[in-house]
Amino acid sequence: MATALESLQQAIRSRALHARTSANRALRLAGFVSERDRDNLLRYGEELNAEADSLEKQADALSDDIKRRPRT
């Protein structure tokens, strides 16, 4: 059974995957819209990729913390 920390780690990784998927979708759509909308979509995609990177780092740090904790 997953501990609370492992569940949190899974939730963070799930959110990172969702952000990365949304970023990729925004970047693909940027090729089909007006210049102004393209700039907004590109910026949004970059922000989502940065969020995904941050979430992945948090999940990795949490994973390291889980590994260091003694199992009870």
PDB file of N, CA and C in Angstrom:
ATOM      1  N   MET A   1       0.842  -1.177   0.000  1.00  0.00           N
ATOM      2  CA  MET A   1       0.000   0.000   0.000  1.00  0.00           C
ATOM      3  C   MET A   1       0.892   1.247   0.000  1.00  0.00           C
ATOM      4  N   ALA A   2       0.528   2.196  -0.791  1.00  0.00           N
ATOM      5  CA  ALA A   2       1.331   3.414  -0.923  1.00  0.00           C
ATOM      6  C   ALA A   2       1.191   4.280   0.325  1.00  0.00           C
ATOM      7  N   THR A   3       2.302   4.853   0.717  1.00  0.00           N
ATOM      8  CA  THR A   3       2.258   5.792   1.831  1.00  0.00           C
ATOM      9  C   THR A   3       1.723   7.126   1.336  1.00  0.00           C
ATOM     10  N   ALA A   4       1.452   8.012   2.272  1.00  0.00           N
ATOM     11  CA  ALA A   4       0.955   9.342   1.905  1.00  0.00           C
ATOM     12  C   ALA A   4       1.974  10.077   1.035  1.00  0.00           C
ATOM     13  N   LEU A   5       3.260   9.932   1.359  1.00  0.00           N
ATOM     14  CA  LEU A   5       4.294  10.603   0.562  1.00  0.00           C
ATOM     15  C   LEU A   5       4.361  10.035  -0.850  1.00  0.00           C
ATOM     16  N   GLU A   6       4.204   8.722  -0.977  1.00  0.00           N
ATOM     17  CA  GLU A   6       4.215   8.113  -2.308  1.00  0.00           C
ATOM     18  C   GLU A   6       2.997   8.550  -3.118  1.00  0.00           C
ATOM     19  N   SER A   7       1.866   8.678  -2.450  1.00  0.00           N
ATOM     20  CA  SER A   7       0.662   9.168  -3.132  1.00  0.00           C
ATOM     21  C   SER A   7       0.856  10.607  -3.589  1.00  0.00           C
ATOM     22  N   LEU A   8       1.472  11.419  -2.733  1.00  0.00           N
ATOM     23  CA  LEU A   8       1.758  12.806  -3.101  1.00  0.00           C
ATOM     24  C   LEU A   8       2.708  12.857  -4.288  1.00  0.00           C
ATOM     25  N   GLN A   9       3.720  12.019  -4.267  1.00  0.00           N
ATOM     26  CA  GLN A   9       4.674  11.974  -5.378  1.00  0.00           C
ATOM     27  C   GLN A   9       3.962  11.607  -6.678  1.00  0.00           C
ATOM     28  N   GLN A  10       3.077  10.637  -6.627  1.00  0.00           N
ATOM     29  CA  GLN A  10       2.324  10.243  -7.822  1.00  0.00           C
ATOM     30  C   GLN A  10       1.454  11.390  -8.315  1.00  0.00           C
ATOM     31  N   ALA A  11       0.834  12.116  -7.401  1.00  0.00           N
ATOM     32  CA  ALA A  11      -0.015  13.250  -7.785  1.00  0.00           C
ATOM     33  C   ALA A  11       0.816  14.347  -8.445  1.00  0.00           C
ATOM     34  N   ILE A  12       2.004  14.605  -7.912  1.00  0.00           N
ATOM     35  CA  ILE A  12       2.884  15.625  -8.491  1.00  0.00           C
ATOM     36  C   ILE A  12       3.319  15.199  -9.892  1.00  0.00           C
ATOM     37  N   ARG A  13       3.700  13.948 -10.049  1.00  0.00           N
ATOM     38  CA  ARG A  13       4.113  13.459 -11.373  1.00  0.00           C
ATOM     39  C   ARG A  13       2.954  13.503 -12.365  1.00  0.00           C
ATOM     40  N   SER A  14       1.756  13.217 -11.894  1.00  0.00           N
ATOM     41  CA  SER A  14       0.576  13.277 -12.757  1.00  0.00           C
ATOM     42  C   SER A  14       0.331  14.708 -13.217  1.00  0.00           C
ATOM     43  N   ARG A  15       0.468  15.658 -12.308  1.00  0.00           N
ATOM     44  CA  ARG A  15       0.285  17.070 -12.662  1.00  0.00           C
ATOM     45  C   ARG A  15       1.374  17.518 -13.637  1.00  0.00           C
ATOM     46  N   ALA A  16       2.589  17.059 -13.438  1.00  0.00           N
ATOM     47  CA  ALA A  16       3.681  17.403 -14.356  1.00  0.00           C
ATOM     48  C   ALA A  16       3.395  16.865 -15.752  1.00  0.00           C
ATOM     49  N   LEU A  17       2.907  15.640 -15.824  1.00  0.00           N
ATOM     50  CA  LEU A  17       2.570  15.049 -17.122  1.00  0.00           C
ATOM     51  C   LEU A  17       1.449  15.834 -17.794  1.00  0.00           C
ATOM     52  N   HIS A  18       0.457  16.220 -17.016  1.00  0.00           N
ATOM     53  CA  HIS A  18      -0.656  17.008 -17.559  1.00  0.00           C
ATOM     54  C   HIS A  18      -0.152  18.361 -18.086  1.00  0.00           C
ATOM     55  N   ALA A  19       0.718  19.017 -17.324  1.00  0.00           N
ATOM     56  CA  ALA A  19       1.268  20.307 -17.754  1.00  0.00           C
ATOM     57  C   ALA A  19       2.089  20.142 -19.028  1.00  0.00           C
ATOM     58  N   ARG A  20       2.896  19.089 -19.084  1.00  0.00           N
ATOM     59  CA  ARG A  20       3.731  18.853 -20.270  1.00  0.00           C
ATOM     60  C   ARG A  20       2.856  18.571 -21.497  1.00  0.00           C
ATOM     61  N   THR A  21       1.795  17.785 -21.314  1.00  0.00           N
ATOM     62  CA  THR A  21       0.876  17.479 -22.413  1.00  0.00           C
ATOM     63  C   THR A  21       0.183  18.744 -22.904  1.00  0.00           C
ATOM     64  N   SER A  22      -0.257  19.579 -21.976  1.00  0.00           N
ATOM     65  CA  SER A  22      -0.915  20.835 -22.349  1.00  0.00           C
ATOM     66  C   SER A  22       0.054  21.768 -23.063  1.00  0.00           C
ATOM     67  N   ALA A  23       1.300  21.794 -22.604  1.00  0.00           N
ATOM     68  CA  ALA A  23       2.312  22.629 -23.250  1.00  0.00           C
ATOM     69  C   ALA A  23       2.538  22.177 -24.683  1.00  0.00           C
ATOM     70  N   ASN A  24       2.660  20.884 -24.874  1.00  0.00           N
ATOM     71  CA  ASN A  24       2.867  20.361 -26.229  1.00  0.00           C
ATOM     72  C   ASN A  24       1.687  20.679 -27.131  1.00  0.00           C
ATOM     73  N   ARG A  25       0.496  20.588 -26.589  1.00  0.00           N
ATOM     74  CA  ARG A  25      -0.705  20.907 -27.373  1.00  0.00           C
ATOM     75  C   ARG A  25      -0.697  22.390 -27.766  1.00  0.00           C
ATOM     76  N   ALA A  26      -0.358  23.258 -26.823  1.00  0.00           N
ATOM     77  CA  ALA A  26      -0.310  24.693 -27.116  1.00  0.00           C
ATOM     78  C   ALA A  26       0.736  24.996 -28.184  1.00  0.00           C
ATOM     79  N   LEU A  27       1.888  24.356 -28.084  1.00  0.00           N
ATOM     80  CA  LEU A  27       2.948  24.600 -29.061  1.00  0.00           C
ATOM     81  C   LEU A  27       2.558  24.101 -30.449  1.00  0.00           C
ATOM     82  N   ARG A  28       1.851  22.982 -30.515  1.00  0.00           N
ATOM     83  CA  ARG A  28       1.377  22.490 -31.817  1.00  0.00           C
ATOM     84  C   ARG A  28       0.326  23.422 -32.407  1.00  0.00           C
ATOM     85  N   LEU A  29      -0.590  23.902 -31.581  1.00  0.00           N
ATOM     86  CA  LEU A  29      -1.650  24.789 -32.064  1.00  0.00           C
ATOM     87  C   LEU A  29      -1.104  26.125 -32.556  1.00  0.00           C
ATOM     88  N   ALA A  30       0.048  26.522 -32.041  1.00  0.00           N
ATOM     89  CA  ALA A  30       0.621  27.819 -32.407  1.00  0.00           C
ATOM     90  C   ALA A  30       0.851  27.943 -33.910  1.00  0.00           C
ATOM     91  N   GLY A  31       0.990  26.848 -34.591  1.00  0.00           N
ATOM     92  CA  GLY A  31       1.211  26.882 -36.031  1.00  0.00           C
ATOM     93  C   GLY A  31      -0.042  27.140 -36.843  1.00  0.00           C
ATOM     94  N   PHE A  32      -1.195  27.202 -36.197  1.00  0.00           N
ATOM     95  CA  PHE A  32      -2.458  27.307 -36.926  1.00  0.00           C
ATOM     96  C   PHE A  32      -3.274  28.539 -36.571  1.00  0.00           C
ATOM     97  N   VAL A  33      -2.678  29.492 -35.878  1.00  0.00           N
ATOM     98  CA  VAL A  33      -3.436  30.662 -35.423  1.00  0.00           C
ATOM     99  C   VAL A  33      -2.742  31.953 -35.858  1.00  0.00           C
ATOM    100  N   SER A  34      -3.382  33.071 -35.570  1.00  0.00           N
ATOM    101  CA  SER A  34      -2.817  34.374 -35.931  1.00  0.00           C
ATOM    102  C   SER A  34      -1.510  34.619 -35.177  1.00  0.00           C
ATOM    103  N   GLU A  35      -0.762  35.607 -35.644  1.00  0.00           N
ATOM    104  CA  GLU A  35       0.537  35.902 -35.033  1.00  0.00           C
ATOM    105  C   GLU A  35       0.405  36.252 -33.555  1.00  0.00           C
ATOM    106  N   ARG A  36      -0.583  37.077 -33.223  1.00  0.00           N
ATOM    107  CA  ARG A  36      -0.778  37.476 -31.823  1.00  0.00           C
ATOM    108  C   ARG A  36      -1.110  36.253 -30.968  1.00  0.00           C
ATOM    109  N   ASP A  37      -2.039  35.440 -31.458  1.00  0.00           N
ATOM    110  CA  ASP A  37      -2.407  34.237 -30.715  1.00  0.00           C
ATOM    111  C   ASP A  37      -1.241  33.258 -30.643  1.00  0.00           C
ATOM    112  N   ARG A  38      -0.458  33.193 -31.701  1.00  0.00           N
ATOM    113  CA  ARG A  38       0.711  32.314 -31.716  1.00  0.00           C
ATOM    114  C   ARG A  38       1.690  32.723 -30.616  1.00  0.00           C
ATOM    115  N   ASP A  39       1.945  34.021 -30.491  1.00  0.00           N
ATOM    116  CA  ASP A  39       2.851  34.489 -29.440  1.00  0.00           C
ATOM    117  C   ASP A  39       2.330  34.106 -28.055  1.00  0.00           C
ATOM    118  N   ASN A  40       1.023  34.268 -27.861  1.00  0.00           N
ATOM    119  CA  ASN A  40       0.426  33.907 -26.572  1.00  0.00           C
ATOM    120  C   ASN A  40       0.527  32.407 -26.312  1.00  0.00           C
ATOM    121  N   LEU A  41       0.254  31.603 -27.333  1.00  0.00           N
ATOM    122  CA  LEU A  41       0.339  30.151 -27.171  1.00  0.00           C
ATOM    123  C   LEU A  41       1.776  29.698 -26.911  1.00  0.00           C
ATOM    124  N   LEU A  42       2.724  30.296 -27.600  1.00  0.00           N
ATOM    125  CA  LEU A  42       4.125  29.943 -27.376  1.00  0.00           C
ATOM    126  C   LEU A  42       4.552  30.293 -25.952  1.00  0.00           C
ATOM    127  N   ARG A  43       4.160  31.468 -25.492  1.00  0.00           N
ATOM    128  CA  ARG A  43       4.487  31.892 -24.126  1.00  0.00           C
ATOM    129  C   ARG A  43       3.829  30.948 -23.106  1.00  0.00           C
ATOM    130  N   TYR A  44       2.556  30.621 -23.347  1.00  0.00           N
ATOM    131  CA  TYR A  44       1.831  29.710 -22.462  1.00  0.00           C
ATOM    132  C   TYR A  44       2.497  28.331 -22.445  1.00  0.00           C
ATOM    133  N   GLY A  45       2.891  27.841 -23.616  1.00  0.00           N
ATOM    134  CA  GLY A  45       3.580  26.555 -23.686  1.00  0.00           C
ATOM    135  C   GLY A  45       4.887  26.564 -22.911  1.00  0.00           C
ATOM    136  N   GLU A  46       5.636  27.658 -23.029  1.00  0.00           N
ATOM    137  CA  GLU A  46       6.896  27.778 -22.291  1.00  0.00           C
ATOM    138  C   GLU A  46       6.645  27.792 -20.788  1.00  0.00           C
ATOM    139  N   GLU A  47       5.602  28.504 -20.357  1.00  0.00           N
ATOM    140  CA  GLU A  47       5.268  28.557 -18.933  1.00  0.00           C
ATOM    141  C   GLU A  47       4.868  27.174 -18.418  1.00  0.00           C
ATOM    142  N   LEU A  48       4.087  26.452 -19.206  1.00  0.00           N
ATOM    143  CA  LEU A  48       3.679  25.110 -18.794  1.00  0.00           C
ATOM    144  C   LEU A  48       4.870  24.157 -18.738  1.00  0.00           C
ATOM    145  N   ASN A  49       5.783  24.275 -19.683  1.00  0.00           N
ATOM    146  CA  ASN A  49       6.984  23.436 -19.645  1.00  0.00           C
ATOM    147  C   ASN A  49       7.822  23.745 -18.408  1.00  0.00           C
ATOM    148  N   ALA A  50       7.926  25.023 -18.047  1.00  0.00           N
ATOM    149  CA  ALA A  50       8.665  25.404 -16.845  1.00  0.00           C
ATOM    150  C   ALA A  50       7.977  24.842 -15.598  1.00  0.00           C
ATOM    151  N   GLU A  51       6.642  24.899 -15.574  1.00  0.00           N
ATOM    152  CA  GLU A  51       5.897  24.326 -14.451  1.00  0.00           C
ATOM    153  C   GLU A  51       6.139  22.820 -14.365  1.00  0.00           C
ATOM    154  N   ALA A  52       6.112  22.147 -15.499  1.00  0.00           N
ATOM    155  CA  ALA A  52       6.348  20.699 -15.519  1.00  0.00           C
ATOM    156  C   ALA A  52       7.757  20.377 -15.020  1.00  0.00           C
ATOM    157  N   ASP A  53       8.747  21.155 -15.444  1.00  0.00           N
ATOM    158  CA  ASP A  53      10.122  20.947 -14.975  1.00  0.00           C
ATOM    159  C   ASP A  53      10.199  21.077 -13.456  1.00  0.00           C
ATOM    160  N   SER A  54       9.565  22.118 -12.930  1.00  0.00           N
ATOM    161  CA  SER A  54       9.570  22.351 -11.489  1.00  0.00           C
ATOM    162  C   SER A  54       8.884  21.207 -10.742  1.00  0.00           C
ATOM    163  N   LEU A  55       7.750  20.770 -11.246  1.00  0.00           N
ATOM    164  CA  LEU A  55       7.030  19.669 -10.604  1.00  0.00           C
ATOM    165  C   LEU A  55       7.839  18.376 -10.641  1.00  0.00           C
ATOM    166  N   GLU A  56       8.505  18.119 -11.751  1.00  0.00           N
ATOM    167  CA  GLU A  56       9.328  16.914 -11.845  1.00  0.00           C
ATOM    168  C   GLU A  56      10.486  16.962 -10.847  1.00  0.00           C
ATOM    169  N   LYS A  57      11.072  18.135 -10.656  1.00  0.00           N
ATOM    170  CA  LYS A  57      12.146  18.279  -9.665  1.00  0.00           C
ATOM    171  C   LYS A  57      11.607  18.035  -8.260  1.00  0.00           C
ATOM    172  N   GLN A  58      10.395  18.553  -7.975  1.00  0.00           N
ATOM    173  CA  GLN A  58       9.784  18.326  -6.666  1.00  0.00           C
ATOM    174  C   GLN A  58       9.528  16.838  -6.442  1.00  0.00           C
ATOM    175  N   ALA A  59       9.016  16.167  -7.460  1.00  0.00           N
ATOM    176  CA  ALA A  59       8.735  14.735  -7.343  1.00  0.00           C
ATOM    177  C   ALA A  59      10.026  13.947  -7.147  1.00  0.00           C
ATOM    178  N   ASP A  60      11.085  14.330  -7.845  1.00  0.00           N
ATOM    179  CA  ASP A  60      12.377  13.655  -7.684  1.00  0.00           C
ATOM    180  C   ASP A  60      12.917  13.852  -6.269  1.00  0.00           C
ATOM    181  N   ALA A  61      12.804  15.078  -5.751  1.00  0.00           N
ATOM    182  CA  ALA A  61      13.267  15.358  -4.392  1.00  0.00           C
ATOM    183  C   ALA A  61      12.450  14.556  -3.377  1.00  0.00           C
ATOM    184  N   LEU A  62      11.160  14.478  -3.594  1.00  0.00           N
ATOM    185  CA  LEU A  62      10.304  13.702  -2.707  1.00  0.00           C
ATOM    186  C   LEU A  62      10.666  12.221  -2.784  1.00  0.00           C
ATOM    187  N   SER A  63      10.958  11.743  -3.972  1.00  0.00           N
ATOM    188  CA  SER A  63      11.369  10.349  -4.146  1.00  0.00           C
ATOM    189  C   SER A  63      12.647  10.064  -3.361  1.00  0.00           C
ATOM    190  N   ASP A  64      13.602  10.981  -3.435  1.00  0.00           N
ATOM    191  CA  ASP A  64      14.842  10.821  -2.672  1.00  0.00           C
ATOM    192  C   ASP A  64      14.554  10.794  -1.177  1.00  0.00           C
ATOM    193  N   ASP A  65      13.646  11.657  -0.726  1.00  0.00           N
ATOM    194  CA  ASP A  65      13.271  11.709   0.685  1.00  0.00           C
ATOM    195  C   ASP A  65      12.609  10.399   1.112  1.00  0.00           C
ATOM    196  N   ILE A  66      11.745   9.871   0.266  1.00  0.00           N
ATOM    197  CA  ILE A  66      11.065   8.604   0.573  1.00  0.00           C
ATOM    198  C   ILE A  66      12.090   7.478   0.709  1.00  0.00           C
ATOM    199  N   LYS A  67      13.075   7.452  -0.171  1.00  0.00           N
ATOM    200  CA  LYS A  67      14.099   6.400  -0.133  1.00  0.00           C
ATOM    201  C   LYS A  67      14.931   6.467   1.147  1.00  0.00           C
ATOM    202  N   ARG A  68      15.141   7.679   1.670  1.00  0.00           N
ATOM    203  CA  ARG A  68      15.948   7.849   2.878  1.00  0.00           C
ATOM    204  C   ARG A  68      15.180   7.505   4.153  1.00  0.00           C
ATOM    205  N   ARG A  69      13.860   7.559   4.091  1.00  0.00           N
ATOM    206  CA  ARG A  69      13.055   7.286   5.287  1.00  0.00           C
ATOM    207  C   ARG A  69      13.014   5.786   5.559  1.00  0.00           C
ATOM    208  N   PRO A  70      13.124   5.439   6.830  1.00  0.00           N
ATOM    209  CA  PRO A  70      13.008   4.011   7.162  1.00  0.00           C
ATOM    210  C   PRO A  70      11.566   3.535   6.992  1.00  0.00           C
ATOM    211  N   ARG A  71      11.417   2.342   6.484  1.00  0.00           N
ATOM    212  CA  ARG A  71      10.079   1.736   6.331  1.00  0.00           C
ATOM    213  C   ARG A  71       9.633   1.208   7.694  1.00  0.00           C
ATOM    214  N   THR A  72       8.377   1.407   7.990  1.00  0.00           N
ATOM    215  CA  THR A  72       7.855   0.893   9.266  1.00  0.00           C
ATOM    216  C   THR A  72       6.869  -0.214   9.031  1.00  0.00           C
TER     217      THR A  72
END
